[in-house]
Amino acid sequence: MSGMLAGCGGLTVQSAGQHVEKPDFASVSEARDKLAGLDVKGRAPKTGFDRDEFGPAWSDVDHNGCDTRNDILKRDLEGETFKPGTHDCVVLTGTLDDPFSGKTIEFKRGQDTSSKVQIDHLVPLSDAWQKGAQQWPETKRKEFANDPLNLLAVDGPLNGQKSDSDAATWLPPRKAYRCAYVSRQIDVKAKYDVWVTKAEKQAMETVLDAC
């Protein structure tokens, strides 16, 4: 595990499973400022959305020889083992302290087991598509889909439950992680100029109020 993830509206978001510190006032204030700077609009139609619009799944955008999925598993898991001959790239096993649920999940690469740990787009690709990404060039969409700021290894079933929901319709069941989760969504949306809906903004403000 790489230690800490920077960003998140000024919050220090620690790697999955480490204790999430209560953010200080300045961090929450920064998240609020970024949220206030986001455009508020309704969703555009989902027409034309396809995963391929964001480039091939899990590209090696940083040219380190590993695809993005393995980069994130390597960052977020503890005690990883790697497939021989892959230069410590392909993760075979590891332990995830899931930030969404607080559960400890043993990851084992395989057709029937890999899905227990999935890589979540904190701001889902479909959500971004309906809030600005339709107008982006292909290079920006590919960058967005592979940006570590927007990626997190999480419990697979919960990721499926979340689907393409925004903060107005889905939040992690582990309440201690919600502040960091929403703040990081705000960071991503601010970085890429993705707008929010009125209901989404209100939900984010409610979470920040409880930080």
N, C-alpha and C. Protein backbone atom coordinates (compact mmCIF):
# COMPACT_ATOMS: atom_id res chain seq x y z
N MET A 1 0.85 -1.19 0.00
CA MET A 1 0.00 0.00 0.00
C MET A 1 0.89 1.24 0.00
N SER A 2 0.41 2.24 -0.71
CA SER A 2 1.27 3.39 -0.90
C SER A 2 1.24 4.40 0.23
N GLY A 3 0.38 4.20 1.22
CA GLY A 3 0.35 5.16 2.32
C GLY A 3 -0.87 6.03 2.24
N MET A 4 -0.72 7.27 1.81
CA MET A 4 -1.85 8.19 1.81
C MET A 4 -2.13 8.68 0.41
N LEU A 5 -3.37 9.00 0.19
CA LEU A 5 -3.80 9.58 -1.06
C LEU A 5 -4.02 11.06 -0.83
N ALA A 6 -3.42 11.85 -1.66
CA ALA A 6 -3.56 13.30 -1.49
C ALA A 6 -4.88 13.77 -2.08
N GLY A 7 -5.21 15.00 -1.80
CA GLY A 7 -6.38 15.61 -2.40
C GLY A 7 -7.57 15.56 -1.47
N CYS A 8 -8.72 15.39 -2.10
CA CYS A 8 -9.99 15.27 -1.39
C CYS A 8 -10.39 16.56 -0.70
N GLY A 9 -10.38 17.63 -1.48
CA GLY A 9 -10.87 18.88 -0.94
C GLY A 9 -10.10 19.32 0.27
N GLY A 10 -8.80 19.03 0.29
CA GLY A 10 -7.98 19.42 1.42
C GLY A 10 -7.94 18.38 2.51
N LEU A 11 -8.77 17.35 2.40
CA LEU A 11 -8.75 16.28 3.40
C LEU A 11 -7.57 15.37 3.11
N THR A 12 -6.99 14.83 4.13
CA THR A 12 -6.01 13.78 3.94
C THR A 12 -6.76 12.46 3.97
N VAL A 13 -6.92 11.85 2.80
CA VAL A 13 -7.65 10.60 2.72
C VAL A 13 -6.63 9.49 2.77
N GLN A 14 -6.66 8.72 3.82
CA GLN A 14 -5.69 7.67 3.97
C GLN A 14 -6.08 6.48 3.13
N SER A 15 -5.11 5.63 2.88
CA SER A 15 -5.36 4.44 2.10
C SER A 15 -6.48 3.64 2.73
N ALA A 16 -7.16 2.89 1.86
CA ALA A 16 -8.32 2.12 2.31
C ALA A 16 -8.01 1.34 3.57
N GLY A 17 -8.87 1.51 4.57
CA GLY A 17 -8.75 0.72 5.77
C GLY A 17 -8.05 1.41 6.90
N GLN A 18 -7.15 2.35 6.62
CA GLN A 18 -6.54 3.07 7.71
C GLN A 18 -7.59 4.00 8.31
N HIS A 19 -7.38 4.37 9.54
CA HIS A 19 -8.35 5.20 10.25
C HIS A 19 -8.55 6.52 9.50
N VAL A 20 -9.78 6.85 9.23
CA VAL A 20 -10.09 8.11 8.55
C VAL A 20 -10.24 9.20 9.60
N GLU A 21 -9.31 10.12 9.60
CA GLU A 21 -9.33 11.18 10.60
C GLU A 21 -10.47 12.15 10.33
N LYS A 22 -11.02 12.66 11.39
CA LYS A 22 -12.03 13.70 11.25
C LYS A 22 -11.37 14.93 10.65
N PRO A 23 -11.88 15.45 9.55
CA PRO A 23 -11.23 16.59 8.89
C PRO A 23 -11.30 17.85 9.74
N ASP A 24 -10.32 18.70 9.57
CA ASP A 24 -10.35 19.94 10.32
C ASP A 24 -11.23 20.96 9.60
N PHE A 25 -11.46 22.07 10.26
CA PHE A 25 -12.38 23.07 9.72
C PHE A 25 -11.90 23.60 8.38
N ALA A 26 -10.59 23.81 8.25
CA ALA A 26 -10.05 24.36 7.01
C ALA A 26 -10.28 23.41 5.85
N SER A 27 -10.16 22.08 6.09
CA SER A 27 -10.37 21.10 5.04
C SER A 27 -11.81 21.11 4.56
N VAL A 28 -12.74 21.15 5.48
CA VAL A 28 -14.15 21.20 5.13
C VAL A 28 -14.47 22.50 4.40
N SER A 29 -13.87 23.58 4.85
CA SER A 29 -14.08 24.87 4.21
C SER A 29 -13.59 24.84 2.76
N GLU A 30 -12.46 24.19 2.53
CA GLU A 30 -11.93 24.09 1.17
C GLU A 30 -12.85 23.26 0.28
N ALA A 31 -13.38 22.16 0.84
CA ALA A 31 -14.32 21.34 0.09
C ALA A 31 -15.58 22.14 -0.26
N ARG A 32 -16.05 22.92 0.71
CA ARG A 32 -17.23 23.76 0.47
C ARG A 32 -16.96 24.79 -0.63
N ASP A 33 -15.77 25.38 -0.60
CA ASP A 33 -15.42 26.38 -1.61
C ASP A 33 -15.40 25.76 -3.01
N LYS A 34 -14.82 24.57 -3.10
CA LYS A 34 -14.78 23.90 -4.41
C LYS A 34 -16.19 23.54 -4.88
N LEU A 35 -17.01 23.06 -3.95
CA LEU A 35 -18.38 22.72 -4.30
C LEU A 35 -19.14 23.96 -4.77
N ALA A 36 -18.93 25.08 -4.09
CA ALA A 36 -19.60 26.32 -4.47
C ALA A 36 -19.20 26.77 -5.87
N GLY A 37 -18.00 26.36 -6.30
CA GLY A 37 -17.51 26.75 -7.61
C GLY A 37 -18.00 25.87 -8.75
N LEU A 38 -18.65 24.77 -8.44
CA LEU A 38 -19.14 23.86 -9.49
C LEU A 38 -20.44 24.38 -10.08
N ASP A 39 -20.59 24.22 -11.39
CA ASP A 39 -21.86 24.58 -12.03
C ASP A 39 -22.96 23.64 -11.55
N VAL A 40 -24.16 24.18 -11.42
CA VAL A 40 -25.32 23.38 -11.03
C VAL A 40 -26.29 23.35 -12.21
N LYS A 41 -26.51 22.14 -12.75
CA LYS A 41 -27.38 21.97 -13.92
C LYS A 41 -28.10 20.64 -13.79
N GLY A 42 -29.10 20.45 -14.63
CA GLY A 42 -29.75 19.15 -14.71
C GLY A 42 -28.90 18.18 -15.50
N ARG A 43 -29.24 16.91 -15.39
CA ARG A 43 -28.51 15.89 -16.14
C ARG A 43 -28.82 16.02 -17.63
N ALA A 44 -27.79 15.88 -18.45
CA ALA A 44 -28.00 15.74 -19.88
C ALA A 44 -28.47 14.31 -20.15
N PRO A 45 -29.08 14.05 -21.31
CA PRO A 45 -29.48 12.68 -21.63
C PRO A 45 -28.28 11.74 -21.64
N LYS A 46 -28.53 10.48 -21.31
CA LYS A 46 -27.48 9.47 -21.31
C LYS A 46 -27.17 8.98 -22.73
N THR A 47 -27.87 9.52 -23.70
CA THR A 47 -27.74 9.10 -25.09
C THR A 47 -26.28 9.05 -25.53
N GLY A 48 -25.90 7.94 -26.12
CA GLY A 48 -24.55 7.82 -26.67
C GLY A 48 -23.51 7.32 -25.69
N PHE A 49 -23.91 7.14 -24.42
CA PHE A 49 -22.91 6.69 -23.45
C PHE A 49 -22.49 5.26 -23.72
N ASP A 50 -21.19 5.04 -23.67
CA ASP A 50 -20.62 3.71 -23.78
C ASP A 50 -19.27 3.74 -23.07
N ARG A 51 -18.94 2.66 -22.39
CA ARG A 51 -17.66 2.60 -21.68
C ARG A 51 -16.49 2.91 -22.62
N ASP A 52 -16.63 2.50 -23.87
CA ASP A 52 -15.55 2.71 -24.84
C ASP A 52 -15.31 4.18 -25.15
N GLU A 53 -16.28 5.03 -24.83
CA GLU A 53 -16.09 6.47 -25.05
C GLU A 53 -15.00 7.03 -24.14
N PHE A 54 -14.64 6.27 -23.11
CA PHE A 54 -13.60 6.68 -22.17
C PHE A 54 -12.30 5.90 -22.38
N GLY A 55 -12.17 5.31 -23.56
CA GLY A 55 -10.96 4.58 -23.90
C GLY A 55 -11.04 3.13 -23.45
N PRO A 56 -10.07 2.32 -23.84
CA PRO A 56 -10.04 0.92 -23.42
C PRO A 56 -9.98 0.82 -21.90
N ALA A 57 -10.71 -0.14 -21.35
CA ALA A 57 -10.73 -0.29 -19.89
C ALA A 57 -9.33 -0.57 -19.36
N TRP A 58 -8.95 0.20 -18.36
CA TRP A 58 -7.70 0.02 -17.63
C TRP A 58 -6.46 0.08 -18.53
N SER A 59 -6.35 1.21 -19.22
CA SER A 59 -5.16 1.46 -20.04
C SER A 59 -3.95 1.74 -19.16
N ASP A 60 -2.79 1.62 -19.73
CA ASP A 60 -1.55 1.98 -19.03
C ASP A 60 -1.21 3.43 -19.39
N VAL A 61 -1.98 4.35 -18.81
CA VAL A 61 -1.84 5.75 -19.21
C VAL A 61 -0.56 6.40 -18.71
N ASP A 62 0.01 5.87 -17.61
CA ASP A 62 1.24 6.47 -17.10
C ASP A 62 2.48 5.76 -17.62
N HIS A 63 2.27 4.79 -18.51
CA HIS A 63 3.37 4.10 -19.20
C HIS A 63 4.38 3.48 -18.23
N ASN A 64 3.86 2.91 -17.14
CA ASN A 64 4.76 2.25 -16.20
C ASN A 64 4.79 0.74 -16.40
N GLY A 65 4.11 0.28 -17.46
CA GLY A 65 4.09 -1.14 -17.76
C GLY A 65 2.96 -1.91 -17.13
N CYS A 66 2.18 -1.25 -16.25
CA CYS A 66 1.05 -1.90 -15.57
C CYS A 66 -0.23 -1.17 -15.95
N ASP A 67 -1.31 -1.93 -16.11
CA ASP A 67 -2.59 -1.29 -16.39
C ASP A 67 -3.12 -0.62 -15.12
N THR A 68 -4.08 0.27 -15.30
CA THR A 68 -4.56 1.08 -14.18
C THR A 68 -5.17 0.23 -13.07
N ARG A 69 -5.91 -0.83 -13.42
CA ARG A 69 -6.52 -1.67 -12.39
C ARG A 69 -5.46 -2.22 -11.45
N ASN A 70 -4.39 -2.76 -12.00
CA ASN A 70 -3.33 -3.32 -11.17
C ASN A 70 -2.59 -2.24 -10.38
N ASP A 71 -2.45 -1.06 -10.98
CA ASP A 71 -1.84 0.05 -10.25
C ASP A 71 -2.64 0.37 -8.98
N ILE A 72 -3.98 0.38 -9.10
CA ILE A 72 -4.82 0.73 -7.95
C ILE A 72 -4.86 -0.40 -6.93
N LEU A 73 -4.90 -1.65 -7.40
CA LEU A 73 -4.83 -2.77 -6.46
C LEU A 73 -3.52 -2.72 -5.68
N LYS A 74 -2.44 -2.44 -6.38
CA LYS A 74 -1.12 -2.36 -5.74
C LYS A 74 -1.09 -1.24 -4.72
N ARG A 75 -1.76 -0.13 -5.01
CA ARG A 75 -1.80 1.02 -4.10
C ARG A 75 -2.66 0.75 -2.87
N ASP A 76 -3.81 0.09 -3.06
CA ASP A 76 -4.83 0.03 -2.01
C ASP A 76 -4.83 -1.26 -1.19
N LEU A 77 -4.20 -2.32 -1.67
CA LEU A 77 -4.18 -3.57 -0.92
C LEU A 77 -2.96 -3.64 -0.01
N GLU A 78 -3.07 -4.48 0.99
CA GLU A 78 -1.94 -4.79 1.88
C GLU A 78 -1.43 -6.20 1.54
N GLY A 79 -0.15 -6.42 1.71
CA GLY A 79 0.42 -7.75 1.59
C GLY A 79 0.24 -8.38 0.22
N GLU A 80 0.40 -7.59 -0.83
CA GLU A 80 0.17 -8.10 -2.17
C GLU A 80 1.20 -9.16 -2.57
N THR A 81 0.76 -10.11 -3.38
CA THR A 81 1.67 -10.99 -4.11
C THR A 81 1.42 -10.77 -5.59
N PHE A 82 2.44 -11.04 -6.40
CA PHE A 82 2.37 -10.71 -7.81
C PHE A 82 2.64 -11.92 -8.69
N LYS A 83 2.08 -11.88 -9.87
CA LYS A 83 2.32 -12.94 -10.84
C LYS A 83 3.78 -12.90 -11.26
N PRO A 84 4.49 -14.02 -11.18
CA PRO A 84 5.90 -14.04 -11.56
C PRO A 84 6.10 -13.58 -13.01
N GLY A 85 7.18 -12.85 -13.22
CA GLY A 85 7.50 -12.41 -14.57
C GLY A 85 6.78 -11.17 -15.03
N THR A 86 6.02 -10.52 -14.13
CA THR A 86 5.28 -9.31 -14.53
C THR A 86 5.89 -8.05 -13.92
N HIS A 87 7.09 -8.16 -13.37
CA HIS A 87 7.77 -7.01 -12.75
C HIS A 87 6.89 -6.39 -11.66
N ASP A 88 6.32 -7.26 -10.81
CA ASP A 88 5.43 -6.81 -9.72
C ASP A 88 4.30 -5.93 -10.23
N CYS A 89 3.70 -6.40 -11.30
CA CYS A 89 2.60 -5.64 -11.90
C CYS A 89 1.26 -6.31 -11.66
N VAL A 90 1.12 -7.57 -12.07
CA VAL A 90 -0.17 -8.25 -11.97
C VAL A 90 -0.37 -8.78 -10.55
N VAL A 91 -1.35 -8.21 -9.84
CA VAL A 91 -1.59 -8.57 -8.44
C VAL A 91 -2.36 -9.89 -8.38
N LEU A 92 -1.82 -10.87 -7.65
CA LEU A 92 -2.48 -12.16 -7.49
C LEU A 92 -3.33 -12.22 -6.24
N THR A 93 -2.80 -11.73 -5.12
CA THR A 93 -3.53 -11.77 -3.85
C THR A 93 -3.21 -10.51 -3.05
N GLY A 94 -4.03 -10.27 -2.05
CA GLY A 94 -3.81 -9.14 -1.15
C GLY A 94 -5.01 -8.98 -0.23
N THR A 95 -4.90 -8.06 0.71
CA THR A 95 -5.97 -7.82 1.67
C THR A 95 -6.44 -6.38 1.55
N LEU A 96 -7.75 -6.21 1.42
CA LEU A 96 -8.36 -4.88 1.34
C LEU A 96 -9.12 -4.58 2.61
N ASP A 97 -8.79 -3.47 3.26
CA ASP A 97 -9.62 -2.92 4.31
C ASP A 97 -10.59 -1.97 3.62
N ASP A 98 -11.78 -2.46 3.35
CA ASP A 98 -12.72 -1.75 2.48
C ASP A 98 -13.22 -0.45 3.10
N PRO A 99 -12.99 0.68 2.43
CA PRO A 99 -13.42 1.96 3.01
C PRO A 99 -14.93 2.13 3.00
N PHE A 100 -15.64 1.48 2.07
CA PHE A 100 -17.08 1.64 1.97
C PHE A 100 -17.82 0.96 3.12
N SER A 101 -17.31 -0.21 3.55
CA SER A 101 -18.03 -1.00 4.55
C SER A 101 -17.28 -1.17 5.86
N GLY A 102 -15.94 -1.01 5.81
CA GLY A 102 -15.12 -1.29 6.98
C GLY A 102 -14.74 -2.76 7.09
N LYS A 103 -15.18 -3.59 6.16
CA LYS A 103 -14.87 -5.01 6.19
C LYS A 103 -13.44 -5.26 5.68
N THR A 104 -12.86 -6.38 6.10
CA THR A 104 -11.60 -6.85 5.56
C THR A 104 -11.91 -7.90 4.50
N ILE A 105 -11.40 -7.71 3.30
CA ILE A 105 -11.70 -8.60 2.18
C ILE A 105 -10.39 -9.18 1.64
N GLU A 106 -10.35 -10.48 1.51
CA GLU A 106 -9.17 -11.14 0.93
C GLU A 106 -9.35 -11.22 -0.59
N PHE A 107 -8.42 -10.60 -1.30
CA PHE A 107 -8.48 -10.60 -2.75
C PHE A 107 -7.66 -11.75 -3.31
N LYS A 108 -8.23 -12.46 -4.27
CA LYS A 108 -7.51 -13.51 -4.97
C LYS A 108 -7.87 -13.41 -6.44
N ARG A 109 -6.85 -13.20 -7.27
CA ARG A 109 -7.09 -13.06 -8.70
C ARG A 109 -7.62 -14.37 -9.27
N GLY A 110 -8.68 -14.28 -10.08
CA GLY A 110 -9.26 -15.47 -10.69
C GLY A 110 -10.63 -15.16 -11.25
N GLN A 111 -11.07 -15.99 -12.18
CA GLN A 111 -12.35 -15.74 -12.86
C GLN A 111 -13.51 -15.65 -11.87
N ASP A 112 -13.48 -16.46 -10.83
CA ASP A 112 -14.60 -16.51 -9.88
C ASP A 112 -14.37 -15.68 -8.62
N THR A 113 -13.19 -15.09 -8.48
CA THR A 113 -12.85 -14.41 -7.22
C THR A 113 -12.46 -12.95 -7.38
N SER A 114 -11.98 -12.55 -8.56
CA SER A 114 -11.49 -11.17 -8.73
C SER A 114 -12.57 -10.13 -8.43
N SER A 115 -13.82 -10.47 -8.71
CA SER A 115 -14.91 -9.49 -8.59
C SER A 115 -15.23 -9.14 -7.14
N LYS A 116 -14.66 -9.87 -6.18
CA LYS A 116 -14.89 -9.51 -4.77
C LYS A 116 -14.34 -8.13 -4.46
N VAL A 117 -13.26 -7.75 -5.16
CA VAL A 117 -12.69 -6.40 -5.05
C VAL A 117 -12.77 -5.75 -6.41
N GLN A 118 -13.43 -4.62 -6.49
CA GLN A 118 -13.55 -3.90 -7.75
C GLN A 118 -12.96 -2.51 -7.61
N ILE A 119 -12.65 -1.91 -8.76
CA ILE A 119 -12.11 -0.54 -8.76
C ILE A 119 -13.26 0.41 -9.06
N ASP A 120 -13.60 1.21 -8.07
CA ASP A 120 -14.70 2.16 -8.20
C ASP A 120 -14.22 3.46 -8.83
N HIS A 121 -15.00 3.96 -9.79
CA HIS A 121 -14.85 5.36 -10.20
C HIS A 121 -15.69 6.19 -9.22
N LEU A 122 -15.04 6.95 -8.35
CA LEU A 122 -15.80 7.72 -7.36
C LEU A 122 -16.85 8.60 -8.04
N VAL A 123 -16.46 9.27 -9.10
CA VAL A 123 -17.44 9.91 -9.98
C VAL A 123 -17.62 8.97 -11.16
N PRO A 124 -18.76 8.28 -11.23
CA PRO A 124 -18.95 7.27 -12.27
C PRO A 124 -18.86 7.86 -13.68
N LEU A 125 -18.42 7.02 -14.61
CA LEU A 125 -18.25 7.48 -15.99
C LEU A 125 -19.58 7.94 -16.58
N SER A 126 -20.65 7.20 -16.29
CA SER A 126 -21.97 7.58 -16.80
C SER A 126 -22.43 8.90 -16.21
N ASP A 127 -22.15 9.11 -14.93
CA ASP A 127 -22.50 10.38 -14.28
C ASP A 127 -21.75 11.54 -14.95
N ALA A 128 -20.46 11.33 -15.18
CA ALA A 128 -19.67 12.38 -15.84
C ALA A 128 -20.19 12.64 -17.26
N TRP A 129 -20.58 11.56 -17.96
CA TRP A 129 -21.09 11.68 -19.32
C TRP A 129 -22.32 12.59 -19.37
N GLN A 130 -23.16 12.47 -18.34
CA GLN A 130 -24.40 13.27 -18.30
C GLN A 130 -24.18 14.66 -17.72
N LYS A 131 -22.94 14.94 -17.28
CA LYS A 131 -22.67 16.23 -16.65
C LYS A 131 -21.42 16.89 -17.24
N GLY A 132 -21.27 16.74 -18.54
CA GLY A 132 -20.21 17.48 -19.22
C GLY A 132 -19.29 16.68 -20.12
N ALA A 133 -19.09 15.40 -19.80
CA ALA A 133 -18.06 14.63 -20.51
C ALA A 133 -18.41 14.33 -21.96
N GLN A 134 -19.70 14.44 -22.31
CA GLN A 134 -20.07 14.23 -23.72
C GLN A 134 -19.32 15.19 -24.64
N GLN A 135 -19.01 16.36 -24.09
CA GLN A 135 -18.38 17.40 -24.91
C GLN A 135 -16.85 17.34 -24.89
N TRP A 136 -16.30 16.45 -24.11
CA TRP A 136 -14.84 16.39 -23.99
C TRP A 136 -14.20 15.69 -25.17
N PRO A 137 -12.93 16.02 -25.44
CA PRO A 137 -12.18 15.21 -26.40
C PRO A 137 -11.88 13.83 -25.82
N GLU A 138 -11.61 12.88 -26.69
CA GLU A 138 -11.37 11.51 -26.26
C GLU A 138 -10.21 11.41 -25.27
N THR A 139 -9.19 12.23 -25.46
CA THR A 139 -8.02 12.17 -24.57
C THR A 139 -8.38 12.55 -23.14
N LYS A 140 -9.27 13.52 -22.98
CA LYS A 140 -9.67 13.94 -21.63
C LYS A 140 -10.52 12.86 -20.97
N ARG A 141 -11.40 12.22 -21.73
CA ARG A 141 -12.22 11.15 -21.16
C ARG A 141 -11.35 9.97 -20.71
N LYS A 142 -10.34 9.65 -21.50
CA LYS A 142 -9.44 8.55 -21.14
C LYS A 142 -8.66 8.90 -19.88
N GLU A 143 -8.21 10.14 -19.77
CA GLU A 143 -7.50 10.59 -18.57
C GLU A 143 -8.40 10.49 -17.34
N PHE A 144 -9.65 10.92 -17.49
CA PHE A 144 -10.62 10.88 -16.39
C PHE A 144 -10.84 9.45 -15.91
N ALA A 145 -11.00 8.52 -16.85
CA ALA A 145 -11.30 7.13 -16.50
C ALA A 145 -10.15 6.44 -15.80
N ASN A 146 -8.93 6.96 -15.97
CA ASN A 146 -7.76 6.31 -15.41
C ASN A 146 -7.04 7.15 -14.35
N ASP A 147 -7.66 8.24 -13.92
CA ASP A 147 -7.05 9.13 -12.94
C ASP A 147 -7.11 8.50 -11.55
N PRO A 148 -5.97 8.25 -10.90
CA PRO A 148 -5.98 7.64 -9.56
C PRO A 148 -6.81 8.42 -8.54
N LEU A 149 -6.96 9.72 -8.73
CA LEU A 149 -7.78 10.52 -7.82
C LEU A 149 -9.23 10.04 -7.83
N ASN A 150 -9.66 9.52 -8.98
CA ASN A 150 -11.05 9.11 -9.14
C ASN A 150 -11.24 7.60 -8.98
N LEU A 151 -10.22 6.90 -8.50
CA LEU A 151 -10.27 5.44 -8.44
C LEU A 151 -9.98 4.93 -7.03
N LEU A 152 -10.69 3.87 -6.64
CA LEU A 152 -10.54 3.32 -5.31
C LEU A 152 -10.92 1.84 -5.33
N ALA A 153 -10.08 1.01 -4.75
CA ALA A 153 -10.41 -0.42 -4.61
C ALA A 153 -11.43 -0.57 -3.48
N VAL A 154 -12.54 -1.24 -3.79
CA VAL A 154 -13.64 -1.35 -2.83
C VAL A 154 -14.31 -2.71 -2.92
N ASP A 155 -15.22 -2.95 -1.99
CA ASP A 155 -16.05 -4.15 -1.97
C ASP A 155 -16.84 -4.24 -3.26
N GLY A 156 -16.70 -5.37 -3.97
CA GLY A 156 -17.34 -5.53 -5.27
C GLY A 156 -18.85 -5.38 -5.25
N PRO A 157 -19.57 -6.11 -4.37
CA PRO A 157 -21.02 -5.97 -4.34
C PRO A 157 -21.50 -4.55 -4.04
N LEU A 158 -20.80 -3.83 -3.16
CA LEU A 158 -21.20 -2.45 -2.88
C LEU A 158 -20.97 -1.56 -4.10
N ASN A 159 -19.90 -1.82 -4.84
CA ASN A 159 -19.65 -1.06 -6.05
C ASN A 159 -20.76 -1.31 -7.07
N GLY A 160 -21.22 -2.55 -7.13
CA GLY A 160 -22.34 -2.86 -8.01
C GLY A 160 -23.62 -2.18 -7.55
N GLN A 161 -23.81 -2.11 -6.25
CA GLN A 161 -24.98 -1.42 -5.70
C GLN A 161 -24.95 0.07 -6.03
N LYS A 162 -23.78 0.66 -5.94
CA LYS A 162 -23.63 2.08 -6.26
C LYS A 162 -23.93 2.34 -7.73
N SER A 163 -23.42 1.47 -8.61
CA SER A 163 -23.60 1.61 -10.05
C SER A 163 -23.14 3.00 -10.49
N ASP A 164 -24.02 3.76 -11.17
CA ASP A 164 -23.63 5.09 -11.64
C ASP A 164 -24.28 6.20 -10.83
N SER A 165 -24.61 5.90 -9.56
CA SER A 165 -25.27 6.88 -8.70
C SER A 165 -24.35 8.03 -8.32
N ASP A 166 -24.95 9.19 -8.11
CA ASP A 166 -24.19 10.31 -7.53
C ASP A 166 -24.52 10.39 -6.03
N ALA A 167 -24.02 11.41 -5.37
CA ALA A 167 -24.17 11.51 -3.91
C ALA A 167 -25.62 11.69 -3.47
N ALA A 168 -26.49 12.11 -4.38
CA ALA A 168 -27.89 12.30 -4.02
C ALA A 168 -28.62 10.97 -3.85
N THR A 169 -28.09 9.90 -4.47
CA THR A 169 -28.80 8.62 -4.45
C THR A 169 -28.00 7.49 -3.83
N TRP A 170 -26.70 7.69 -3.57
CA TRP A 170 -25.92 6.63 -2.94
C TRP A 170 -24.74 7.22 -2.18
N LEU A 171 -24.55 6.73 -0.96
CA LEU A 171 -23.39 7.08 -0.15
C LEU A 171 -22.87 5.78 0.48
N PRO A 172 -21.57 5.70 0.79
CA PRO A 172 -21.05 4.49 1.44
C PRO A 172 -21.79 4.19 2.74
N PRO A 173 -22.11 2.92 3.00
CA PRO A 173 -22.79 2.59 4.25
C PRO A 173 -21.96 2.93 5.48
N ARG A 174 -20.64 2.92 5.36
CA ARG A 174 -19.77 3.28 6.48
C ARG A 174 -19.75 4.82 6.61
N LYS A 175 -20.47 5.31 7.57
CA LYS A 175 -20.65 6.76 7.69
C LYS A 175 -19.34 7.50 7.94
N ALA A 176 -18.36 6.84 8.58
CA ALA A 176 -17.08 7.49 8.87
C ALA A 176 -16.31 7.84 7.60
N TYR A 177 -16.67 7.21 6.48
CA TYR A 177 -15.96 7.48 5.23
C TYR A 177 -16.68 8.49 4.34
N ARG A 178 -17.89 8.86 4.69
CA ARG A 178 -18.69 9.68 3.78
C ARG A 178 -18.09 11.06 3.53
N CYS A 179 -17.50 11.65 4.54
CA CYS A 179 -16.92 12.98 4.36
C CYS A 179 -15.78 12.94 3.36
N ALA A 180 -14.89 11.97 3.53
CA ALA A 180 -13.77 11.83 2.60
C ALA A 180 -14.27 11.47 1.20
N TYR A 181 -15.28 10.62 1.12
CA TYR A 181 -15.85 10.19 -0.16
C TYR A 181 -16.41 11.38 -0.94
N VAL A 182 -17.25 12.15 -0.29
CA VAL A 182 -17.87 13.30 -0.95
C VAL A 182 -16.82 14.36 -1.29
N SER A 183 -15.89 14.59 -0.39
CA SER A 183 -14.86 15.60 -0.64
C SER A 183 -14.01 15.21 -1.85
N ARG A 184 -13.75 13.92 -1.99
CA ARG A 184 -12.95 13.47 -3.13
C ARG A 184 -13.75 13.56 -4.42
N GLN A 185 -15.04 13.29 -4.36
CA GLN A 185 -15.88 13.50 -5.54
C GLN A 185 -15.84 14.98 -5.96
N ILE A 186 -15.89 15.86 -4.99
CA ILE A 186 -15.83 17.29 -5.28
C ILE A 186 -14.49 17.63 -5.93
N ASP A 187 -13.41 17.07 -5.42
CA ASP A 187 -12.09 17.30 -6.00
C ASP A 187 -12.06 16.89 -7.46
N VAL A 188 -12.60 15.71 -7.73
CA VAL A 188 -12.59 15.19 -9.11
C VAL A 188 -13.43 16.08 -10.01
N LYS A 189 -14.61 16.44 -9.54
CA LYS A 189 -15.50 17.26 -10.37
C LYS A 189 -14.90 18.65 -10.62
N ALA A 190 -14.22 19.18 -9.62
CA ALA A 190 -13.58 20.48 -9.79
C ALA A 190 -12.41 20.38 -10.78
N LYS A 191 -11.66 19.30 -10.71
CA LYS A 191 -10.50 19.12 -11.59
C LYS A 191 -10.92 19.04 -13.06
N TYR A 192 -12.05 18.38 -13.31
CA TYR A 192 -12.47 18.13 -14.69
C TYR A 192 -13.67 18.96 -15.14
N ASP A 193 -14.11 19.90 -14.31
CA ASP A 193 -15.26 20.75 -14.65
C ASP A 193 -16.51 19.92 -14.93
N VAL A 194 -16.78 18.95 -14.07
CA VAL A 194 -18.02 18.17 -14.14
C VAL A 194 -19.04 18.85 -13.25
N TRP A 195 -20.22 19.10 -13.78
CA TRP A 195 -21.19 19.82 -12.97
C TRP A 195 -21.93 18.89 -12.01
N VAL A 196 -22.73 19.50 -11.12
CA VAL A 196 -23.56 18.75 -10.17
C VAL A 196 -25.01 19.15 -10.37
N THR A 197 -25.91 18.24 -10.00
CA THR A 197 -27.32 18.60 -9.98
C THR A 197 -27.64 19.30 -8.66
N LYS A 198 -28.80 19.92 -8.60
CA LYS A 198 -29.20 20.60 -7.37
C LYS A 198 -29.30 19.62 -6.21
N ALA A 199 -29.91 18.45 -6.47
CA ALA A 199 -30.07 17.44 -5.41
C ALA A 199 -28.72 16.90 -4.96
N GLU A 200 -27.82 16.72 -5.91
CA GLU A 200 -26.48 16.22 -5.59
C GLU A 200 -25.73 17.22 -4.72
N LYS A 201 -25.79 18.50 -5.09
CA LYS A 201 -25.11 19.53 -4.30
C LYS A 201 -25.66 19.58 -2.88
N GLN A 202 -26.98 19.50 -2.75
CA GLN A 202 -27.59 19.51 -1.41
C GLN A 202 -27.13 18.32 -0.59
N ALA A 203 -27.04 17.14 -1.22
CA ALA A 203 -26.59 15.95 -0.51
C ALA A 203 -25.14 16.10 -0.05
N MET A 204 -24.31 16.67 -0.92
CA MET A 204 -22.92 16.90 -0.55
C MET A 204 -22.79 17.88 0.59
N GLU A 205 -23.59 18.94 0.56
CA GLU A 205 -23.57 19.93 1.64
C GLU A 205 -24.01 19.30 2.96
N THR A 206 -24.97 18.40 2.92
CA THR A 206 -25.44 17.72 4.12
C THR A 206 -24.33 16.87 4.73
N VAL A 207 -23.59 16.17 3.86
CA VAL A 207 -22.46 15.36 4.35
C VAL A 207 -21.38 16.26 4.97
N LEU A 208 -21.05 17.34 4.28
CA LEU A 208 -20.00 18.23 4.80
C LEU A 208 -20.42 18.87 6.12
N ASP A 209 -21.72 19.12 6.28
CA ASP A 209 -22.22 19.70 7.53
C ASP A 209 -21.95 18.78 8.72
N ALA A 210 -21.86 17.48 8.44
CA ALA A 210 -21.65 16.49 9.51
C ALA A 210 -20.18 16.14 9.73
N CYS A 211 -19.30 16.75 8.97
CA CYS A 211 -17.87 16.43 9.08
C CYS A 211 -17.29 16.99 10.40
